[in-house]
C-alpha atoms as a PDB file:
ATOM      1  CA  MET A   1      -0.034  -0.043  -0.026  1.00  0.00           C
ATOM      2  CA  ARG A   2       1.162   3.579  -0.807  1.00  0.00           C
ATOM      3  CA  THR A   3       1.010   6.053   1.946  1.00  0.00           C
ATOM      4  CA  ILE A   4      -0.191   9.483   0.751  1.00  0.00           C
ATOM      5  CA  LYS A   5       0.724  12.884   2.275  1.00  0.00           C
ATOM      6  CA  GLU A   6      -1.383  15.854   2.727  1.00  0.00           C
ATOM      7  CA  LYS A   7      -0.894  18.754   0.245  1.00  0.00           C
ATOM      8  CA  THR A   8      -1.563  22.499   0.194  1.00  0.00           C
ATOM      9  CA  ILE A   9      -0.698  25.027  -2.725  1.00  0.00           C
ATOM     10  CA  GLN A  10       2.719  26.487  -3.278  1.00  0.00           C
ATOM     11  CA  ASN A  11       1.928  29.981  -4.174  1.00  0.00           C
ATOM     12  CA  GLU A  12      -0.916  32.332  -3.441  1.00  0.00           C
ATOM     13  CA  VAL A  13      -3.345  32.931  -6.276  1.00  0.00           C
ATOM     14  CA  SER A  14      -6.294  35.074  -6.944  1.00  0.00           C
ATOM     15  CA  CYS A  15      -9.016  35.921  -9.167  1.00  0.00           C
ATOM     16  CA  SER A  16     -12.417  37.946  -9.144  1.00  0.00           C
ATOM     17  CA  GLY A  17     -15.798  37.803 -10.768  1.00  0.00           C
ATOM     18  CA  ILE A  18     -19.562  38.017 -10.222  1.00  0.00           C
ATOM     19  CA  GLY A  19     -21.451  35.935  -7.841  1.00  0.00           C
ATOM     20  CA  LEU A  20     -24.087  33.946  -9.683  1.00  0.00           C
ATOM     21  CA  HIS A  21     -26.957  34.433  -7.227  1.00  0.00           C
ATOM     22  CA  SER A  22     -25.827  37.432  -5.351  1.00  0.00           C
ATOM     23  CA  GLY A  23     -24.653  39.560  -8.326  1.00  0.00           C
ATOM     24  CA  GLU A  24     -21.874  41.001  -6.387  1.00  0.00           C
ATOM     25  CA  LYS A  25     -18.362  41.455  -7.749  1.00  0.00           C
ATOM     26  CA  ILE A  26     -16.155  39.461  -5.421  1.00  0.00           C
ATOM     27  CA  GLN A  27     -12.430  38.884  -4.965  1.00  0.00           C
ATOM     28  CA  LEU A  28     -11.202  35.392  -4.166  1.00  0.00           C
ATOM     29  CA  ARG A  29      -7.534  34.605  -3.086  1.00  0.00           C
ATOM     30  CA  LEU A  30      -6.171  31.109  -2.425  1.00  0.00           C
ATOM     31  CA  ILE A  31      -3.623  30.776   0.420  1.00  0.00           C
ATOM     32  CA  PRO A  32      -1.459  27.945   1.414  1.00  0.00           C
ATOM     33  CA  ALA A  33      -2.486  26.447   4.899  1.00  0.00           C
ATOM     34  CA  PRO A  34      -0.684  24.416   7.533  1.00  0.00           C
ATOM     35  CA  GLU A  35      -1.017  20.492   7.452  1.00  0.00           C
ATOM     36  CA  GLY A  36      -4.254  19.543   9.456  1.00  0.00           C
ATOM     37  CA  SER A  37      -6.001  22.782   8.609  1.00  0.00           C
ATOM     38  CA  GLY A  38      -8.637  21.336   6.263  1.00  0.00           C
ATOM     39  CA  ILE A  39     -10.311  23.659   3.667  1.00  0.00           C
ATOM     40  CA  LEU A  40     -11.322  26.977   5.387  1.00  0.00           C
ATOM     41  CA  PHE A  41     -13.126  29.882   3.835  1.00  0.00           C
ATOM     42  CA  SER A  42     -12.461  33.319   5.264  1.00  0.00           C
ATOM     43  CA  ARG A  43     -14.996  36.282   4.886  1.00  0.00           C
ATOM     44  CA  THR A  44     -12.470  39.223   4.993  1.00  0.00           C
ATOM     45  CA  ASP A  45     -15.437  41.731   4.846  1.00  0.00           C
ATOM     46  CA  LEU A  46     -16.765  40.089   8.094  1.00  0.00           C
ATOM     47  CA  GLY A  47     -13.465  40.412   9.784  1.00  0.00           C
ATOM     48  CA  GLY A  48     -11.868  37.246   8.593  1.00  0.00           C
ATOM     49  CA  THR A  49     -14.554  34.938   9.933  1.00  0.00           C
ATOM     50  CA  LEU A  50     -13.484  31.371   9.292  1.00  0.00           C
ATOM     51  CA  ILE A  51     -15.883  28.703   7.787  1.00  0.00           C
ATOM     52  CA  PRO A  52     -14.773  25.206   7.452  1.00  0.00           C
ATOM     53  CA  ALA A  53     -15.779  23.544   4.390  1.00  0.00           C
ATOM     54  CA  ASN A  54     -17.320  20.482   5.844  1.00  0.00           C
ATOM     55  CA  ALA A  55     -20.795  18.835   6.255  1.00  0.00           C
ATOM     56  CA  THR A  56     -21.263  20.130   9.713  1.00  0.00           C
ATOM     57  CA  HIS A  57     -21.352  23.760   8.392  1.00  0.00           C
ATOM     58  CA  VAL A  58     -23.861  23.123   5.529  1.00  0.00           C
ATOM     59  CA  VAL A  59     -26.672  25.724   6.066  1.00  0.00           C
ATOM     60  CA  SER A  60     -28.559  25.453   2.574  1.00  0.00           C
ATOM     61  CA  THR A  61     -28.748  23.173  -0.549  1.00  0.00           C
ATOM     62  CA  HIS A  62     -31.093  25.297  -2.465  1.00  0.00           C
ATOM     63  CA  LEU A  63     -29.877  25.567  -6.054  1.00  0.00           C
ATOM     64  CA  SER A  64     -26.041  25.607  -4.757  1.00  0.00           C
ATOM     65  CA  THR A  65     -24.331  24.512  -1.638  1.00  0.00           C
ATOM     66  CA  THR A  66     -24.014  27.089   1.078  1.00  0.00           C
ATOM     67  CA  ILE A  67     -21.895  26.862   4.282  1.00  0.00           C
ATOM     68  CA  GLY A  68     -21.898  29.084   7.264  1.00  0.00           C
ATOM     69  CA  VAL A  69     -21.094  29.862  10.931  1.00  0.00           C
ATOM     70  CA  GLU A  70     -22.470  32.372  13.255  1.00  0.00           C
ATOM     71  CA  GLY A  71     -24.300  34.148  10.412  1.00  0.00           C
ATOM     72  CA  ALA A  72     -21.549  34.318   8.087  1.00  0.00           C
ATOM     73  CA  THR A  73     -21.871  32.291   4.841  1.00  0.00           C
ATOM     74  CA  VAL A  74     -20.420  31.412   1.561  1.00  0.00           C
ATOM     75  CA  GLN A  75     -22.642  30.259  -1.195  1.00  0.00           C
ATOM     76  CA  THR A  76     -22.187  28.288  -4.422  1.00  0.00           C
ATOM     77  CA  ILE A  77     -18.849  26.597  -3.185  1.00  0.00           C
ATOM     78  CA  GLU A  78     -19.261  23.431  -5.145  1.00  0.00           C
ATOM     79  CA  HIS A  79     -17.361  24.297  -8.282  1.00  0.00           C
ATOM     80  CA  LEU A  80     -14.378  25.518  -6.423  1.00  0.00           C
ATOM     81  CA  MET A  81     -14.549  22.518  -4.078  1.00  0.00           C
ATOM     82  CA  ALA A  82     -14.726  20.087  -6.865  1.00  0.00           C
ATOM     83  CA  ALA A  83     -11.432  21.600  -8.273  1.00  0.00           C
ATOM     84  CA  ILE A  84      -9.736  21.381  -4.971  1.00  0.00           C
ATOM     85  CA  ALA A  85     -10.713  17.804  -4.198  1.00  0.00           C
ATOM     86  CA  ALA A  86      -9.650  16.800  -7.844  1.00  0.00           C
ATOM     87  CA  PHE A  87      -6.208  18.255  -7.277  1.00  0.00           C
ATOM     88  CA  GLY A  88      -5.839  16.552  -3.974  1.00  0.00           C
ATOM     89  CA  ILE A  89      -5.452  19.730  -1.999  1.00  0.00           C
ATOM     90  CA  ASP A  90      -6.177  18.967   1.581  1.00  0.00           C
ATOM     91  CA  ASN A  91      -5.309  22.303   3.465  1.00  0.00           C
ATOM     92  CA  LEU A  92      -6.235  25.709   2.014  1.00  0.00           C
ATOM     93  CA  ILE A  93      -7.538  29.249   3.050  1.00  0.00           C
ATOM     94  CA  ILE A  94      -9.861  30.577   0.665  1.00  0.00           C
ATOM     95  CA  GLU A  95     -10.376  34.414   1.121  1.00  0.00           C
ATOM     96  CA  LEU A  96     -13.529  36.037  -0.034  1.00  0.00           C
ATOM     97  CA  ASP A  97     -14.560  39.683   0.272  1.00  0.00           C
ATOM     98  CA  GLY A  98     -18.285  38.828  -0.420  1.00  0.00           C
ATOM     99  CA  PRO A  99     -20.954  36.174   0.311  1.00  0.00           C
ATOM    100  CA  GLU A 100     -20.362  33.928  -2.612  1.00  0.00           C
ATOM    101  CA  VAL A 101     -17.682  32.089  -4.685  1.00  0.00           C
ATOM    102  CA  PRO A 102     -17.460  33.716  -8.229  1.00  0.00           C
ATOM    103  CA  ILE A 103     -19.106  31.895 -10.678  1.00  0.00           C
ATOM    104  CA  LEU A 104     -16.456  32.768 -13.536  1.00  0.00           C
ATOM    105  CA  ASP A 105     -17.654  30.984 -16.555  1.00  0.00           C
ATOM    106  CA  GLY A 106     -20.059  28.578 -14.780  1.00  0.00           C
ATOM    107  CA  SER A 107     -17.664  25.688 -14.698  1.00  0.00           C
ATOM    108  CA  ALA A 108     -14.552  24.419 -12.637  1.00  0.00           C
ATOM    109  CA  ALA A 109     -12.131  25.070 -15.418  1.00  0.00           C
ATOM    110  CA  PRO A 110     -10.966  28.510 -14.288  1.00  0.00           C
ATOM    111  CA  PHE A 111     -10.342  27.100 -10.762  1.00  0.00           C
ATOM    112  CA  ALA A 112      -8.538  24.096 -12.326  1.00  0.00           C
ATOM    113  CA  GLU A 113      -6.351  26.682 -14.073  1.00  0.00           C
ATOM    114  CA  LEU A 114      -5.833  28.615 -10.857  1.00  0.00           C
ATOM    115  CA  LEU A 115      -4.665  25.627  -8.955  1.00  0.00           C
ATOM    116  CA  SER A 116      -2.305  24.742 -11.773  1.00  0.00           C
ATOM    117  CA  GLU A 117      -0.884  28.160 -11.467  1.00  0.00           C
ATOM    118  CA  ALA A 118      -0.562  27.782  -7.720  1.00  0.00           C
ATOM    119  CA  GLY A 119       1.414  24.533  -7.837  1.00  0.00           C
ATOM    120  CA  HIS A 120       1.292  22.112  -4.684  1.00  0.00           C
ATOM    121  CA  VAL A 121       3.466  21.160  -2.002  1.00  0.00           C
ATOM    122  CA  GLU A 122       3.517  17.866  -0.057  1.00  0.00           C
ATOM    123  CA  GLN A 123       3.407  18.156   3.864  1.00  0.00           C
ATOM    124  CA  LYS A 124       4.396  15.728   6.480  1.00  0.00           C
ATOM    125  CA  LYS A 125       1.062  14.566   7.812  1.00  0.00           C
ATOM    126  CA  GLY A 126      -0.405  11.408   6.349  1.00  0.00           C
ATOM    127  CA  ARG A 127      -3.650  12.136   4.343  1.00  0.00           C
ATOM    128  CA  LYS A 128      -6.767  10.483   5.760  1.00  0.00           C
ATOM    129  CA  ILE A 129      -8.956   8.640   3.312  1.00  0.00           C
ATOM    130  CA  ILE A 130     -12.494   7.204   3.906  1.00  0.00           C
ATOM    131  CA  GLN A 131     -12.580   3.647   2.715  1.00  0.00           C
ATOM    132  CA  LEU A 132     -16.220   2.321   2.583  1.00  0.00           C
ATOM    133  CA  ILE A 133     -16.952  -1.070   3.753  1.00  0.00           C
ATOM    134  CA  GLU A 134     -20.748  -1.393   3.172  1.00  0.00           C
ATOM    135  CA  PRO A 135     -22.928   0.359   0.591  1.00  0.00           C
ATOM    136  CA  VAL A 136     -25.083   3.181   1.646  1.00  0.00           C
ATOM    137  CA  THR A 137     -28.012   4.849  -0.012  1.00  0.00           C
ATOM    138  CA  ILE A 138     -30.188   7.954   0.164  1.00  0.00           C
ATOM    139  CA  ALA A 139     -33.375   7.963  -1.938  1.00  0.00           C
ATOM    140  CA  GLU A 140     -36.349  10.330  -2.118  1.00  0.00           C
ATOM    141  CA  LYS A 141     -39.142  10.436  -4.494  1.00  0.00           C
ATOM    142  CA  GLY A 142     -37.439   8.636  -7.274  1.00  0.00           C
ATOM    143  CA  LYS A 143     -34.056  10.293  -6.828  1.00  0.00           C
ATOM    144  CA  ARG A 144     -31.191   8.348  -5.606  1.00  0.00           C
ATOM    145  CA  VAL A 145     -27.633   8.333  -4.642  1.00  0.00           C
ATOM    146  CA  THR A 146     -25.713   5.051  -3.637  1.00  0.00           C
ATOM    147  CA  VAL A 147     -21.920   4.556  -2.668  1.00  0.00           C
ATOM    148  CA  TYR A 148     -20.576   1.032  -3.091  1.00  0.00           C
ATOM    149  CA  PRO A 149     -17.232  -0.058  -1.640  1.00  0.00           C
ATOM    150  CA  SER A 150     -14.300   0.230  -4.188  1.00  0.00           C
ATOM    151  CA  SER A 151     -10.548   0.505  -4.365  1.00  0.00           C
ATOM    152  CA  THR A 152     -10.979   3.640  -6.541  1.00  0.00           C
ATOM    153  CA  PHE A 153     -13.261   6.794  -6.553  1.00  0.00           C
ATOM    154  CA  GLU A 154     -15.725   6.663  -9.585  1.00  0.00           C
ATOM    155  CA  ILE A 155     -19.204   8.195 -10.416  1.00  0.00           C
ATOM    156  CA  SER A 156     -21.877   6.897 -12.595  1.00  0.00           C
ATOM    157  CA  TYR A 157     -24.679   9.509 -12.987  1.00  0.00           C
ATOM    158  CA  GLN A 158     -27.929   9.562 -14.764  1.00  0.00           C
ATOM    159  CA  ILE A 159     -30.323  12.418 -15.305  1.00  0.00           C
ATOM    160  CA  ARG A 160     -33.702  12.854 -16.877  1.00  0.00           C
ATOM    161  CA  PHE A 161     -35.146  16.265 -17.659  1.00  0.00           C
ATOM    162  CA  ASP A 162     -38.614  16.754 -19.281  1.00  0.00           C
ATOM    163  CA  HIS A 163     -37.187  18.896 -22.154  1.00  0.00           C
ATOM    164  CA  PRO A 164     -36.196  17.503 -25.548  1.00  0.00           C
ATOM    165  CA  LEU A 165     -32.665  19.302 -25.245  1.00  0.00           C
ATOM    166  CA  ILE A 166     -31.645  17.029 -22.275  1.00  0.00           C
ATOM    167  CA  SER A 167     -33.994  14.056 -21.924  1.00  0.00           C
ATOM    168  CA  SER A 168     -31.925  11.286 -20.566  1.00  0.00           C
ATOM    169  CA  GLN A 169     -28.217  11.458 -20.243  1.00  0.00           C
ATOM    170  CA  SER A 170     -25.615   9.335 -18.329  1.00  0.00           C
ATOM    171  CA  TYR A 171     -21.890   9.467 -17.925  1.00  0.00           C
ATOM    172  CA  ASP A 172     -19.341   7.250 -16.162  1.00  0.00           C
ATOM    173  CA  TYR A 173     -16.320   8.950 -14.514  1.00  0.00           C
ATOM    174  CA  GLN A 174     -13.170   7.439 -13.081  1.00  0.00           C
ATOM    175  CA  HIS A 175     -11.190   9.805 -11.052  1.00  0.00           C
ATOM    176  CA  ARG A 176      -7.856  11.154 -12.128  1.00  0.00           C
ATOM    177  CA  CYS A 177      -6.879  14.869 -11.887  1.00  0.00           C
ATOM    178  CA  GLU A 178      -6.060  14.706 -15.721  1.00  0.00           C
ATOM    179  CA  THR A 179      -9.534  13.353 -16.463  1.00  0.00           C
ATOM    180  CA  PHE A 180     -11.238  15.826 -14.323  1.00  0.00           C
ATOM    181  CA  ILE A 181      -9.703  18.736 -16.063  1.00  0.00           C
ATOM    182  CA  ALA A 182     -10.416  17.466 -19.673  1.00  0.00           C
ATOM    183  CA  GLU A 183     -13.795  15.806 -19.152  1.00  0.00           C
ATOM    184  CA  ILE A 184     -15.575  17.207 -16.124  1.00  0.00           C
ATOM    185  CA  ALA A 185     -14.083  20.847 -15.185  1.00  0.00           C
ATOM    186  CA  PRO A 186     -15.268  22.469 -18.358  1.00  0.00           C
ATOM    187  CA  ALA A 187     -18.840  21.492 -17.995  1.00  0.00           C
ATOM    188  CA  ARG A 188     -21.027  24.580 -17.034  1.00  0.00           C
ATOM    189  CA  THR A 189     -24.176  25.249 -14.747  1.00  0.00           C
ATOM    190  CA  PHE A 190     -27.317  25.482 -16.644  1.00  0.00           C
ATOM    191  CA  GLY A 191     -30.829  26.653 -16.333  1.00  0.00           C
ATOM    192  CA  PHE A 192     -34.138  27.226 -18.146  1.00  0.00           C
ATOM    193  CA  LEU A 193     -35.067  30.619 -19.672  1.00  0.00           C
ATOM    194  CA  LYS A 194     -38.576  30.260 -18.240  1.00  0.00           C
ATOM    195  CA  ASP A 195     -37.261  30.007 -14.734  1.00  0.00           C
ATOM    196  CA  VAL A 196     -35.039  33.063 -14.857  1.00  0.00           C
ATOM    197  CA  GLN A 197     -37.678  35.679 -13.729  1.00  0.00           C
ATOM    198  CA  MET A 198     -38.845  33.405 -10.930  1.00  0.00           C
ATOM    199  CA  LEU A 199     -35.359  32.811  -9.547  1.00  0.00           C
ATOM    200  CA  GLN A 200     -34.567  36.547  -9.689  1.00  0.00           C
ATOM    201  CA  SER A 201     -37.828  37.376  -7.856  1.00  0.00           C
ATOM    202  CA  MET A 202     -36.425  35.118  -5.092  1.00  0.00           C
ATOM    203  CA  GLY A 203     -33.136  37.051  -5.154  1.00  0.00           C
ATOM    204  CA  LEU A 204     -31.341  34.334  -6.884  1.00  0.00           C
ATOM    205  CA  ALA A 205     -29.507  34.297 -10.239  1.00  0.00           C
ATOM    206  CA  ARG A 206     -28.872  38.050  -9.994  1.00  0.00           C
ATOM    207  CA  GLY A 207     -25.478  37.620 -11.660  1.00  0.00           C
ATOM    208  CA  GLY A 208     -26.483  34.846 -14.034  1.00  0.00           C
ATOM    209  CA  SER A 209     -25.876  35.514 -17.910  1.00  0.00           C
ATOM    210  CA  LEU A 210     -25.064  33.757 -21.060  1.00  0.00           C
ATOM    211  CA  GLU A 211     -21.392  34.478 -19.975  1.00  0.00           C
ATOM    212  CA  ASN A 212     -21.601  31.966 -16.869  1.00  0.00           C
ATOM    213  CA  ALA A 213     -24.330  29.472 -17.521  1.00  0.00           C
ATOM    214  CA  ILE A 214     -25.932  27.372 -20.269  1.00  0.00           C
ATOM    215  CA  VAL A 215     -29.495  28.902 -20.757  1.00  0.00           C
ATOM    216  CA  ILE A 216     -32.014  26.512 -22.357  1.00  0.00           C
ATOM    217  CA  GLY A 217     -34.936  27.954 -24.314  1.00  0.00           C
ATOM    218  CA  GLU A 218     -37.905  25.931 -25.504  1.00  0.00           C
ATOM    219  CA  SER A 219     -36.328  24.519 -28.429  1.00  0.00           C
ATOM    220  CA  ARG A 220     -32.578  25.582 -28.359  1.00  0.00           C
ATOM    221  CA  VAL A 221     -29.562  26.599 -26.171  1.00  0.00           C
ATOM    222  CA  LEU A 222     -29.362  30.271 -26.195  1.00  0.00           C
ATOM    223  CA  ASN A 223     -25.389  30.578 -25.991  1.00  0.00           C
ATOM    224  CA  GLU A 224     -24.047  31.460 -29.062  1.00  0.00           C
ATOM    225  CA  GLU A 225     -21.130  29.166 -28.819  1.00  0.00           C
ATOM    226  CA  GLY A 226     -23.368  26.081 -28.171  1.00  0.00           C
ATOM    227  CA  LEU A 227     -22.541  23.341 -25.803  1.00  0.00           C
ATOM    228  CA  ARG A 228     -18.877  22.398 -24.902  1.00  0.00           C
ATOM    229  CA  PHE A 229     -20.032  18.587 -24.751  1.00  0.00           C
ATOM    230  CA  SER A 230     -23.067  16.923 -26.196  1.00  0.00           C
ATOM    231  CA  ASP A 231     -23.778  15.685 -22.597  1.00  0.00           C
ATOM    232  CA  GLU A 232     -22.448  18.831 -20.727  1.00  0.00           C
ATOM    233  CA  PHE A 233     -25.511  18.739 -18.615  1.00  0.00           C
ATOM    234  CA  VAL A 234     -24.896  15.302 -16.889  1.00  0.00           C
ATOM    235  CA  ARG A 235     -21.146  16.122 -16.842  1.00  0.00           C
ATOM    236  CA  HIS A 236     -21.966  19.244 -14.674  1.00  0.00           C
ATOM    237  CA  LYS A 237     -24.035  17.295 -12.217  1.00  0.00           C
ATOM    238  CA  ILE A 238     -20.918  15.058 -11.751  1.00  0.00           C
ATOM    239  CA  LEU A 239     -18.984  18.201 -11.103  1.00  0.00           C
ATOM    240  CA  ASP A 240     -21.440  19.362  -8.457  1.00  0.00           C
ATOM    241  CA  LEU A 241     -21.429  15.853  -6.823  1.00  0.00           C
ATOM    242  CA  ILE A 242     -17.679  15.968  -6.585  1.00  0.00           C
ATOM    243  CA  GLY A 243     -17.638  19.291  -4.807  1.00  0.00           C
ATOM    244  CA  ASP A 244     -20.473  18.218  -2.510  1.00  0.00           C
ATOM    245  CA  LEU A 245     -18.776  14.906  -1.603  1.00  0.00           C
ATOM    246  CA  SER A 246     -15.706  16.836  -0.717  1.00  0.00           C
ATOM    247  CA  LEU A 247     -17.523  18.207   2.480  1.00  0.00           C
ATOM    248  CA  LEU A 248     -16.794  14.732   3.965  1.00  0.00           C
ATOM    249  CA  GLY A 249     -13.403  16.362   4.971  1.00  0.00           C
ATOM    250  CA  MET A 250     -11.549  13.421   3.610  1.00  0.00           C
ATOM    251  CA  PRO A 251     -11.246  11.804  -0.013  1.00  0.00           C
ATOM    252  CA  LEU A 252     -13.627   9.019  -0.479  1.00  0.00           C
ATOM    253  CA  LEU A 253     -12.958   5.589  -2.078  1.00  0.00           C
ATOM    254  CA  GLY A 254     -16.112   4.411  -3.430  1.00  0.00           C
ATOM    255  CA  ARG A 255     -18.132   3.847  -6.677  1.00  0.00           C
ATOM    256  CA  VAL A 256     -20.891   6.411  -6.608  1.00  0.00           C
ATOM    257  CA  GLU A 257     -24.243   5.752  -8.529  1.00  0.00           C
ATOM    258  CA  ALA A 258     -26.583   8.755  -8.790  1.00  0.00           C
ATOM    259  CA  VAL A 259     -29.920   8.918 -10.510  1.00  0.00           C
ATOM    260  CA  CYS A 260     -31.573  12.422 -10.786  1.00  0.00           C
ATOM    261  CA  SER A 261     -29.781  13.535  -7.626  1.00  0.00           C
ATOM    262  CA  GLY A 262     -28.841  17.217  -6.623  1.00  0.00           C
ATOM    263  CA  HIS A 263     -27.252  19.124  -3.732  1.00  0.00           C
ATOM    264  CA  MET A 264     -29.893  18.212  -1.074  1.00  0.00           C
ATOM    265  CA  LEU A 265     -29.301  14.471  -1.501  1.00  0.00           C
ATOM    266  CA  HIS A 266     -25.692  14.816  -1.819  1.00  0.00           C
ATOM    267  CA  ALA A 267     -25.705  16.493   1.631  1.00  0.00           C
ATOM    268  CA  LYS A 268     -27.711  14.013   3.117  1.00  0.00           C
ATOM    269  CA  LEU A 269     -25.528  11.224   1.778  1.00  0.00           C
ATOM    270  CA  VAL A 270     -22.604  12.850   3.224  1.00  0.00           C
ATOM    271  CA  LYS A 271     -24.101  13.217   6.567  1.00  0.00           C
ATOM    272  CA  GLU A 272     -25.280   9.800   6.619  1.00  0.00           C
ATOM    273  CA  ILE A 273     -21.786   8.359   5.753  1.00  0.00           C
ATOM    274  CA  LEU A 274     -20.207  10.387   8.574  1.00  0.00           C
ATOM    275  CA  ARG A 275     -23.081   9.326  11.105  1.00  0.00           C
ATOM    276  CA  ASN A 276     -22.682   5.701  10.401  1.00  0.00           C
ATOM    277  CA  LYS A 277     -19.108   4.876  11.219  1.00  0.00           C
ATOM    278  CA  LYS A 278     -19.761   1.170  10.992  1.00  0.00           C
ATOM    279  CA  ILE A 279     -19.880   1.387   7.312  1.00  0.00           C
ATOM    280  CA  TRP A 280     -16.392   2.847   6.698  1.00  0.00           C
ATOM    281  CA  LYS A 281     -12.879   3.081   8.167  1.00  0.00           C
ATOM    282  CA  VAL A 282     -10.038   5.652   7.737  1.00  0.00           C
ATOM    283  CA  SER A 283      -6.906   4.911   6.064  1.00  0.00           C
ATOM    284  CA  SER A 284      -3.667   6.731   5.213  1.00  0.00           C
ATOM    285  CA  SER A 285      -2.864   4.506   2.414  1.00  0.00           C
ATOM    286  CA  VAL A 286      -4.512   3.452  -0.866  1.00  0.00           C
ATOM    287  CA  PRO A 287      -5.863   0.166  -0.202  1.00  0.00           C
ATOM    288  CA  SER A 288      -6.789  -2.804  -2.385  1.00  0.00           C
ATOM    289  CA  VAL A 289     -10.313  -3.729  -1.779  1.00  0.00           C
ATOM    290  CA  GLU A 290     -12.607  -6.116  -3.677  1.00  0.00           C
ATOM    291  CA  PRO A 291     -15.412  -3.863  -5.280  1.00  0.00           C
ATOM    292  CA  TYR A 292     -18.837  -4.435  -4.063  1.00  0.00           C
ATOM    293  CA  LYS A 293     -20.760  -6.414  -6.565  1.00  0.00           C
ATOM    294  CA  VAL A 294     -24.156  -4.585  -7.530  1.00  0.00           C
ATOM    295  CA  PRO A 295     -27.108  -6.936  -7.847  1.00  0.00           C
ATOM    296  CA  SER A 296     -27.995  -7.295 -11.620  1.00  0.00           C
ATOM    297  CA  SER A 297     -31.542  -7.054 -10.612  1.00  0.00           C
ATOM    298  CA  ARG A 298     -31.208  -3.418  -9.330  1.00  0.00           C
ATOM    299  CA  GLN A 299     -32.969  -1.062 -11.772  1.00  0.00           C
ATOM    300  CA  ALA A 300     -32.520   2.806 -11.963  1.00  0.00           C
ATOM    301  CA  SER A 301     -35.737   4.922 -11.470  1.00  0.00           C
ATOM    302  CA  TYR A 302     -36.149   8.451 -12.788  1.00  0.00           C
ATOM    303  CA  LEU A 303     -38.003  11.476 -11.795  1.00  0.00           C
ATOM    304  CA  PRO A 304     -38.778  13.854 -14.451  1.00  0.00           C
ATOM    305  CA  LEU A 305     -37.386  17.298 -13.406  1.00  0.00           C
ATOM    306  CA  SER A 306     -38.220  20.702 -14.913  1.00  0.00           C
ATOM    307  CA  SER A 307     -35.287  22.837 -13.713  1.00  0.00           C
ATOM    308  CA  ALA A 308     -31.659  22.444 -12.714  1.00  0.00           C
ATOM    309  CA  ILE A 309     -30.818  21.657  -9.178  1.00  0.00           C
END
């Protein structure tokens, strides 16, 4: 077995952009952190209040994942967190001067570029990894997300939307940083034109535009450049899931199967895994485990959805 050490970034890097829901211009800075620190968000506009990026601090999963502590919150963390997880960064301080991570182009590609620019440094402490021993499932109203024991991290995701441009899509992802950068990171968030006014009346999507989201009309994608992948929608769902699973606070070894899932179900899965300590163990090495054999009789079920989650 190979022992893995914790990592942080080598150099400070920064960027700025608009918050998707807040519409505010926000400056983001990534700063190296000592071993054992974990991923910490710092609201510099609120005196440097620290918000640990873990399941305990999730305060909302409505249309994005929001964490908070003592009234200080950070919204739409999932794209950045997915990139951090994919690059294997364990310790990091993320400074923000506003309430939301900038949406940039709606994908994780700009964050991947930022982390590539920052470089990484191996630290002395051994990295803790969650190794699943038994399957765990969260299911509600036809939506489902299950994790099976595996010696690798992989995701099989299926979606179904009641819209001809999406309909049914599925994608299988086996994690490697290079694969994430090429196949998952560029996939953008998406929404439906008919929902924009409703969301904005709720104080959401104030910063949304064709520059940072795929906008779907009745019969076509409104973005002039079109889609980056024919199945960009399901790839973005995988991106969200990777970011949400990172709130376990440790990398996960398991095969994740998701059907029409979303931020709420992802958060419930993370909390269930952490609650039920009998179904996993912590390792500092990459183990060799026999993958759980999924019963062949298991059938996927779908719930038609009308808007992006």
